[in-house]
């Protein structure tokens, strides 16, 4: 599954806003919003941190 789809699924499953997700990833709300709307994609560093967040969620 695409990293953005996984990130959106994580957000919905955990009932958190885009703002809260942005805070967890230490990025701006507008960056998360652009990803989820398909305007941009995460760079390698951002993808690494998203993957780390998603894998940490599975272990919990």
PDB file of N, CA and C in Angstrom:
ATOM      1  N   UNK A   1       0.849  -1.184   0.000  1.00  0.00           N
ATOM      2  CA  UNK A   1       0.000   0.000   0.000  1.00  0.00           C
ATOM      3  C   UNK A   1       0.891   1.241   0.000  1.00  0.00           C
ATOM      4  N   UNK A   2       0.493   2.218  -0.728  1.00  0.00           N
ATOM      5  CA  UNK A   2       1.191   3.499  -0.825  1.00  0.00           C
ATOM      6  C   UNK A   2       1.320   4.146   0.561  1.00  0.00           C
ATOM      7  N   UNK A   3       2.449   4.795   0.807  1.00  0.00           N
ATOM      8  CA  UNK A   3       2.730   5.381   2.129  1.00  0.00           C
ATOM      9  C   UNK A   3       1.688   6.432   2.525  1.00  0.00           C
ATOM     10  N   UNK A   4       1.190   7.188   1.569  1.00  0.00           N
ATOM     11  CA  UNK A   4       0.185   8.212   1.878  1.00  0.00           C
ATOM     12  C   UNK A   4      -1.140   7.558   2.268  1.00  0.00           C
ATOM     13  N   UNK A   5      -1.508   6.488   1.584  1.00  0.00           N
ATOM     14  CA  UNK A   5      -2.741   5.775   1.945  1.00  0.00           C
ATOM     15  C   UNK A   5      -2.612   5.161   3.328  1.00  0.00           C
ATOM     16  N   UNK A   6      -1.435   4.625   3.641  1.00  0.00           N
ATOM     17  CA  UNK A   6      -1.200   4.064   4.968  1.00  0.00           C
ATOM     18  C   UNK A   6      -1.263   5.157   6.035  1.00  0.00           C
ATOM     19  N   UNK A   7      -0.709   6.323   5.723  1.00  0.00           N
ATOM     20  CA  UNK A   7      -0.724   7.442   6.659  1.00  0.00           C
ATOM     21  C   UNK A   7      -2.157   7.925   6.908  1.00  0.00           C
ATOM     22  N   UNK A   8      -2.953   8.013   5.853  1.00  0.00           N
ATOM     23  CA  UNK A   8      -4.345   8.434   6.001  1.00  0.00           C
ATOM     24  C   UNK A   8      -5.131   7.392   6.801  1.00  0.00           C
ATOM     25  N   UNK A   9      -4.884   6.107   6.550  1.00  0.00           N
ATOM     26  CA  UNK A   9      -5.551   5.042   7.312  1.00  0.00           C
ATOM     27  C   UNK A   9      -5.176   5.142   8.792  1.00  0.00           C
ATOM     28  N   UNK A  10      -3.901   5.395   9.080  1.00  0.00           N
ATOM     29  CA  UNK A  10      -3.441   5.570  10.460  1.00  0.00           C
ATOM     30  C   UNK A  10      -4.184   6.730  11.118  1.00  0.00           C
ATOM     31  N   UNK A  11      -4.294   7.839  10.398  1.00  0.00           N
ATOM     32  CA  UNK A  11      -4.956   9.034  10.928  1.00  0.00           C
ATOM     33  C   UNK A  11      -6.425   8.751  11.242  1.00  0.00           C
ATOM     34  N   UNK A  12      -7.096   8.075  10.332  1.00  0.00           N
ATOM     35  CA  UNK A  12      -8.509   7.784  10.529  1.00  0.00           C
ATOM     36  C   UNK A  12      -8.728   6.756  11.636  1.00  0.00           C
ATOM     37  N   UNK A  13      -7.902   5.716  11.670  1.00  0.00           N
ATOM     38  CA  UNK A  13      -8.029   4.683  12.703  1.00  0.00           C
ATOM     39  C   UNK A  13      -7.796   5.244  14.102  1.00  0.00           C
ATOM     40  N   UNK A  14      -6.887   6.206  14.201  1.00  0.00           N
ATOM     41  CA  UNK A  14      -6.552   6.789  15.497  1.00  0.00           C
ATOM     42  C   UNK A  14      -7.340   8.055  15.800  1.00  0.00           C
ATOM     43  N   UNK A  15      -8.240   8.412  14.881  1.00  0.00           N
ATOM     44  CA  UNK A  15      -9.127   9.565  15.063  1.00  0.00           C
ATOM     45  C   UNK A  15      -8.369  10.839  15.426  1.00  0.00           C
ATOM     46  N   UNK A  16      -7.317  11.117  14.639  1.00  0.00           N
ATOM     47  CA  UNK A  16      -6.560  12.344  14.873  1.00  0.00           C
ATOM     48  C   UNK A  16      -6.686  13.257  13.657  1.00  0.00           C
ATOM     49  N   UNK A  17      -6.596  14.530  13.909  1.00  0.00           N
ATOM     50  CA  UNK A  17      -6.713  15.516  12.842  1.00  0.00           C
ATOM     51  C   UNK A  17      -5.412  15.593  12.042  1.00  0.00           C
ATOM     52  N   UNK A  18      -5.503  16.254  10.905  1.00  0.00           N
ATOM     53  CA  UNK A  18      -4.292  16.485  10.116  1.00  0.00           C
ATOM     54  C   UNK A  18      -3.312  17.335  10.930  1.00  0.00           C
ATOM     55  N   UNK A  19      -3.838  18.254  11.710  1.00  0.00           N
ATOM     56  CA  UNK A  19      -2.997  19.108  12.560  1.00  0.00           C
ATOM     57  C   UNK A  19      -2.232  18.262  13.576  1.00  0.00           C
ATOM     58  N   UNK A  20      -2.921  17.323  14.219  1.00  0.00           N
ATOM     59  CA  UNK A  20      -2.273  16.453  15.209  1.00  0.00           C
ATOM     60  C   UNK A  20      -1.250  15.542  14.540  1.00  0.00           C
ATOM     61  N   UNK A  21      -1.569  15.052  13.354  1.00  0.00           N
ATOM     62  CA  UNK A  21      -0.629  14.218  12.613  1.00  0.00           C
ATOM     63  C   UNK A  21       0.622  15.012  12.257  1.00  0.00           C
ATOM     64  N   UNK A  22       0.430  16.229  11.827  1.00  0.00           N
ATOM     65  CA  UNK A  22       1.565  17.104  11.505  1.00  0.00           C
ATOM     66  C   UNK A  22       2.449  17.307  12.736  1.00  0.00           C
ATOM     67  N   UNK A  23       1.833  17.504  13.894  1.00  0.00           N
ATOM     68  CA  UNK A  23       2.602  17.691  15.130  1.00  0.00           C
ATOM     69  C   UNK A  23       3.403  16.433  15.459  1.00  0.00           C
ATOM     70  N   UNK A  24       2.810  15.247  15.276  1.00  0.00           N
ATOM     71  CA  UNK A  24       3.522  13.987  15.538  1.00  0.00           C
ATOM     72  C   UNK A  24       4.743  13.845  14.641  1.00  0.00           C
ATOM     73  N   UNK A  25       4.631  14.329  13.412  1.00  0.00           N
ATOM     74  CA  UNK A  25       5.728  14.217  12.453  1.00  0.00           C
ATOM     75  C   UNK A  25       6.653  15.433  12.471  1.00  0.00           C
ATOM     76  N   UNK A  26       6.315  16.418  13.306  1.00  0.00           N
ATOM     77  CA  UNK A  26       7.096  17.659  13.423  1.00  0.00           C
ATOM     78  C   UNK A  26       7.216  18.388  12.084  1.00  0.00           C
ATOM     79  N   UNK A  27       6.075  18.492  11.412  1.00  0.00           N
ATOM     80  CA  UNK A  27       5.991  19.234  10.151  1.00  0.00           C
ATOM     81  C   UNK A  27       4.748  20.112  10.198  1.00  0.00           C
ATOM     82  N   UNK A  28       4.558  20.926   9.181  1.00  0.00           N
ATOM     83  CA  UNK A  28       3.403  21.827   9.182  1.00  0.00           C
ATOM     84  C   UNK A  28       2.133  21.112   8.717  1.00  0.00           C
ATOM     85  N   UNK A  29       1.012  21.644   9.158  1.00  0.00           N
ATOM     86  CA  UNK A  29      -0.291  21.138   8.736  1.00  0.00           C
ATOM     87  C   UNK A  29      -0.411  21.185   7.216  1.00  0.00           C
ATOM     88  N   UNK A  30       0.049  22.273   6.612  1.00  0.00           N
ATOM     89  CA  UNK A  30      -0.103  22.424   5.161  1.00  0.00           C
ATOM     90  C   UNK A  30       0.655  21.346   4.397  1.00  0.00           C
ATOM     91  N   UNK A  31       1.773  20.876   4.929  1.00  0.00           N
ATOM     92  CA  UNK A  31       2.520  19.796   4.287  1.00  0.00           C
ATOM     93  C   UNK A  31       1.697  18.513   4.294  1.00  0.00           C
ATOM     94  N   UNK A  32       1.133  18.169   5.438  1.00  0.00           N
ATOM     95  CA  UNK A  32       0.286  16.974   5.544  1.00  0.00           C
ATOM     96  C   UNK A  32      -0.914  17.113   4.611  1.00  0.00           C
ATOM     97  N   UNK A  33      -1.526  18.271   4.602  1.00  0.00           N
ATOM     98  CA  UNK A  33      -2.690  18.515   3.761  1.00  0.00           C
ATOM     99  C   UNK A  33      -2.351  18.328   2.283  1.00  0.00           C
ATOM    100  N   UNK A  34      -1.208  18.831   1.848  1.00  0.00           N
ATOM    101  CA  UNK A  34      -0.793  18.679   0.444  1.00  0.00           C
ATOM    102  C   UNK A  34      -0.539  17.218   0.097  1.00  0.00           C
ATOM    103  N   UNK A  35       0.051  16.460   1.037  1.00  0.00           N
ATOM    104  CA  UNK A  35       0.257  15.024   0.796  1.00  0.00           C
ATOM    105  C   UNK A  35      -1.069  14.317   0.610  1.00  0.00           C
ATOM    106  N   UNK A  36      -1.993  14.542   1.538  1.00  0.00           N
ATOM    107  CA  UNK A  36      -3.260  13.821   1.534  1.00  0.00           C
ATOM    108  C   UNK A  36      -4.158  14.229   0.364  1.00  0.00           C
ATOM    109  N   UNK A  37      -3.934  15.409  -0.169  1.00  0.00           N
ATOM    110  CA  UNK A  37      -4.695  15.866  -1.338  1.00  0.00           C
ATOM    111  C   UNK A  37      -3.985  15.558  -2.653  1.00  0.00           C
ATOM    112  N   UNK A  38      -2.832  14.883  -2.575  1.00  0.00           N
ATOM    113  CA  UNK A  38      -2.111  14.459  -3.773  1.00  0.00           C
ATOM    114  C   UNK A  38      -1.350  15.542  -4.503  1.00  0.00           C
ATOM    115  N   UNK A  39      -1.145  16.684  -3.854  1.00  0.00           N
ATOM    116  CA  UNK A  39      -0.434  17.788  -4.509  1.00  0.00           C
ATOM    117  C   UNK A  39       1.086  17.594  -4.459  1.00  0.00           C
ATOM    118  N   UNK A  40       1.579  16.995  -3.377  1.00  0.00           N
ATOM    119  CA  UNK A  40       3.006  16.725  -3.231  1.00  0.00           C
ATOM    120  C   UNK A  40       3.182  15.340  -2.609  1.00  0.00           C
ATOM    121  N   UNK A  41       4.436  14.900  -2.554  1.00  0.00           N
ATOM    122  CA  UNK A  41       4.773  13.625  -1.921  1.00  0.00           C
ATOM    123  C   UNK A  41       5.875  13.872  -0.905  1.00  0.00           C
ATOM    124  N   UNK A  42       5.950  13.041   0.122  1.00  0.00           N
ATOM    125  CA  UNK A  42       7.013  13.194   1.120  1.00  0.00           C
ATOM    126  C   UNK A  42       8.385  12.925   0.491  1.00  0.00           C
ATOM    127  N   UNK A  43       9.385  13.650   0.974  1.00  0.00           N
ATOM    128  CA  UNK A  43      10.742  13.374   0.524  1.00  0.00           C
ATOM    129  C   UNK A  43      11.276  12.160   1.293  1.00  0.00           C
ATOM    130  N   UNK A  44      12.519  11.775   1.055  1.00  0.00           N
ATOM    131  CA  UNK A  44      13.066  10.567   1.681  1.00  0.00           C
ATOM    132  C   UNK A  44      13.093  10.656   3.201  1.00  0.00           C
ATOM    133  N   UNK A  45      13.476  11.787   3.729  1.00  0.00           N
ATOM    134  CA  UNK A  45      13.547  11.952   5.188  1.00  0.00           C
ATOM    135  C   UNK A  45      12.141  11.891   5.785  1.00  0.00           C
ATOM    136  N   UNK A  46      11.214  12.577   5.166  1.00  0.00           N
ATOM    137  CA  UNK A  46       9.835  12.552   5.647  1.00  0.00           C
ATOM    138  C   UNK A  46       9.261  11.142   5.561  1.00  0.00           C
ATOM    139  N   UNK A  47       9.540  10.436   4.479  1.00  0.00           N
ATOM    140  CA  UNK A  47       9.058   9.060   4.316  1.00  0.00           C
ATOM    141  C   UNK A  47       9.614   8.160   5.409  1.00  0.00           C
ATOM    142  N   UNK A  48      10.870   8.364   5.755  1.00  0.00           N
ATOM    143  CA  UNK A  48      11.491   7.587   6.831  1.00  0.00           C
ATOM    144  C   UNK A  48      10.733   7.801   8.142  1.00  0.00           C
ATOM    145  N   UNK A  49      10.420   9.047   8.467  1.00  0.00           N
ATOM    146  CA  UNK A  49       9.729   9.356   9.722  1.00  0.00           C
ATOM    147  C   UNK A  49       8.275   8.873   9.708  1.00  0.00           C
ATOM    148  N   UNK A  50       7.640   8.920   8.555  1.00  0.00           N
ATOM    149  CA  UNK A  50       6.283   8.378   8.436  1.00  0.00           C
ATOM    150  C   UNK A  50       6.323   6.876   8.694  1.00  0.00           C
ATOM    151  N   UNK A  51       7.266   6.198   8.046  1.00  0.00           N
ATOM    152  CA  UNK A  51       7.390   4.750   8.214  1.00  0.00           C
ATOM    153  C   UNK A  51       7.677   4.392   9.667  1.00  0.00           C
ATOM    154  N   UNK A  52       8.522   5.166  10.306  1.00  0.00           N
ATOM    155  CA  UNK A  52       8.835   4.950  11.715  1.00  0.00           C
ATOM    156  C   UNK A  52       7.577   5.118  12.583  1.00  0.00           C
ATOM    157  N   UNK A  53       6.780   6.129  12.301  1.00  0.00           N
ATOM    158  CA  UNK A  53       5.534   6.361  13.045  1.00  0.00           C
ATOM    159  C   UNK A  53       4.571   5.188  12.824  1.00  0.00           C
ATOM    160  N   UNK A  54       4.435   4.747  11.585  1.00  0.00           N
ATOM    161  CA  UNK A  54       3.499   3.672  11.265  1.00  0.00           C
ATOM    162  C   UNK A  54       3.937   2.337  11.865  1.00  0.00           C
ATOM    163  N   UNK A  55       5.229   2.061  11.851  1.00  0.00           N
ATOM    164  CA  UNK A  55       5.711   0.815  12.438  1.00  0.00           C
ATOM    165  C   UNK A  55       5.608   0.861  13.954  1.00  0.00           C
ATOM    166  N   UNK A  56       5.819   2.003  14.549  1.00  0.00           N
ATOM    167  CA  UNK A  56       5.663   2.156  15.991  1.00  0.00           C
ATOM    168  C   UNK A  56       4.226   1.939  16.409  1.00  0.00           C
ATOM    169  N   UNK A  57       3.285   2.324  15.540  1.00  0.00           N
ATOM    170  CA  UNK A  57       1.862   2.154  15.846  1.00  0.00           C
ATOM    171  C   UNK A  57       1.492   0.682  15.852  1.00  0.00           C
ATOM    172  N   UNK A  58       2.122  -0.108  14.994  1.00  0.00           N
ATOM    173  CA  UNK A  58       1.812  -1.542  14.931  1.00  0.00           C
ATOM    174  C   UNK A  58       2.282  -2.285  16.166  1.00  0.00           C
ATOM    175  N   UNK A  59       3.399  -1.827  16.741  1.00  0.00           N
ATOM    176  CA  UNK A  59       3.980  -2.489  17.910  1.00  0.00           C
ATOM    177  C   UNK A  59       3.179  -2.225  19.172  1.00  0.00           C
ATOM    178  N   UNK A  60       2.459  -1.115  19.201  1.00  0.00           N
ATOM    179  CA  UNK A  60       1.706  -0.718  20.399  1.00  0.00           C
ATOM    180  C   UNK A  60       0.529  -1.617  20.652  1.00  0.00           C
TER     181      UNK A  60
END
